Protein backbone atom coordinates (compact mmCIF):
# COMPACT_ATOMS: atom_id res chain seq x y z
CA MET A 1 -9.15 25.62 4.56
CA ASN A 2 -9.46 23.48 1.89
CA LEU A 3 -6.94 20.74 1.06
CA HIS A 4 -5.44 22.57 -1.54
CA ASP A 5 -4.67 25.45 0.73
CA TRP A 6 -3.29 23.30 3.34
CA ILE A 7 -0.71 22.02 0.72
CA ASP A 8 0.66 25.46 -0.13
CA GLU A 9 0.73 26.45 3.65
CA LEU A 10 2.59 23.70 4.38
CA CYS A 11 5.34 23.94 1.18
CA ASP A 12 5.57 27.05 2.76
CA ALA A 13 6.27 26.00 6.60
CA LEU A 14 8.65 23.25 5.21
CA ASP A 15 10.77 25.87 3.35
CA LEU A 16 9.51 23.66 -0.15
CA ASP A 17 8.84 25.04 -4.13
CA ALA A 18 6.96 22.19 -4.93
CA GLU A 19 3.97 21.24 -7.03
CA VAL A 20 1.82 18.55 -5.55
CA ASP A 21 -0.37 16.30 -7.68
CA GLU A 22 -3.03 15.43 -5.00
CA ALA A 23 -4.70 12.87 -6.76
CA LEU A 24 -1.87 10.80 -7.17
CA VAL A 25 -0.74 11.21 -4.07
CA LEU A 26 -4.00 10.52 -2.44
CA ASP A 27 -4.30 7.37 -5.00
CA LEU A 28 -1.02 5.54 -3.60
CA ALA A 29 -2.30 5.92 0.13
CA ARG A 30 -5.68 4.54 -0.42
CA VAL A 31 -4.23 1.43 -2.76
CA ALA A 32 -1.49 1.01 0.23
CA ALA A 33 -3.95 1.15 3.11
CA HIS A 34 -6.13 -0.55 1.37
CA ASN A 35 -4.19 -3.44 0.05
CA VAL A 36 -1.14 -3.77 2.42
CA VAL A 37 -2.11 -2.03 5.69
CA ARG A 38 -3.10 0.95 7.02
CA PRO A 39 -0.04 2.35 8.02
CA ALA A 40 1.59 1.10 4.59
CA ALA A 41 -0.33 4.72 3.50
CA PRO A 42 1.68 7.74 4.97
CA ILE A 43 5.11 5.63 4.71
CA SER A 44 4.32 4.74 0.97
CA THR A 45 3.55 8.50 0.39
CA PHE A 46 6.86 9.20 2.23
CA LEU A 47 9.19 7.40 0.03
CA LEU A 48 7.83 7.99 -2.63
CA GLY A 49 8.48 12.24 -1.97
CA LEU A 50 11.40 10.87 -0.57
CA ALA A 51 12.63 8.97 -3.62
CA ALA A 52 11.19 11.64 -6.15
CA GLY A 53 13.36 14.23 -3.98
CA ARG A 54 16.34 12.10 -4.03
CA GLN A 55 16.16 11.60 -8.03
CA GLY A 56 14.81 15.06 -8.79
CA ALA A 57 12.03 13.79 -10.34
CA GLY A 58 10.26 15.68 -12.55
CA PRO A 59 6.14 15.22 -12.92
CA GLU A 60 6.58 12.21 -15.65
CA GLU A 61 9.45 10.65 -13.32
CA LEU A 62 7.05 10.82 -10.03
CA GLU A 63 4.11 9.51 -12.14
CA GLU A 64 6.24 6.76 -12.99
CA LEU A 65 7.99 6.13 -9.40
CA ALA A 66 4.10 6.49 -7.92
CA GLY A 67 3.26 3.68 -10.26
CA ARG A 68 5.87 1.23 -9.10
CA ALA A 69 5.10 2.45 -5.83
CA ARG A 70 0.80 1.56 -6.73
CA ALA A 71 1.49 -1.72 -8.62
CA LEU A 72 3.65 -3.25 -5.62
CA ALA A 73 0.64 -2.42 -2.94
CA GLU A 74 -1.77 -3.86 -5.52
CA ALA A 75 0.34 -6.63 -5.72
CA TRP A 76 0.75 -6.91 -2.04
CA ASP A 77 -1.41 -10.62 -1.17
CA ARG A 78 -0.31 -11.20 2.45
CA PRO A 79 -2.58 -11.69 4.73
CA ALA A 80 -2.50 -8.80 7.77
CA GLY A 81 0.24 -9.74 10.37
CA ALA A 82 1.82 -11.76 7.82
CA THR A 83 6.06 -11.50 7.83
CA ALA A 84 7.54 -12.13 5.08
CA ALA A 85 9.13 -15.26 6.34
CA GLU A 86 5.26 -16.80 7.42
CA ASP A 87 4.03 -16.37 4.03
CA GLU A 88 7.10 -17.43 2.29
CA ASP A 89 7.81 -20.53 4.24
CA ALA A 90 4.02 -21.71 5.19
CA GLU A 91 3.43 -25.41 4.32
CA VAL A 92 0.46 -26.30 3.22
CA PRO A 93 -0.26 -29.42 4.93
CA ASP A 94 -1.58 -32.69 2.29
CA ASP A 95 -5.15 -33.92 3.95
CA SER A 96 -6.04 -35.14 0.51
CA ALA A 97 -6.53 -38.57 1.98
CA VAL A 98 -9.09 -37.01 4.98
CA ASP A 99 -13.05 -37.78 4.16
CA HIS A 100 -14.36 -33.67 4.18
CA SER A 101 -17.58 -34.71 3.16
CA GLY A 102 -19.13 -34.18 7.15
CA ASP A 103 -17.56 -30.64 6.88
CA ALA A 104 -20.19 -28.52 5.76
CA ARG A 105 -23.10 -30.43 8.09
CA GLU A 106 -20.53 -30.00 10.79
CA LEU A 107 -20.08 -26.07 9.89
CA GLU A 108 -24.70 -25.74 10.15
CA ASP A 109 -24.80 -27.70 13.09
CA ALA A 110 -22.24 -24.84 15.04
């Protein structure tokens, strides 16, 4: 059984009459997993489907929704595990008065 067969069978099991653009969904999942965090992939694709269903989206609208989700994931720059508050409120200490000239040598010696 291949992916297309699985999608057809799953649509039947869920009583859905839908055409699925596998490449579009898988691309969003890949970008979300890579740029955000791995569990973002299934959640992102689920939310894409939910939004498309609620809006009665056709193929063009689905592509637009997926493009918005992908753009958000591509722009996501928080470090893994950081919360929004940590990311936005983090203060960068001013160490301009600190002499860092020996830092590279200390790392080599370690």
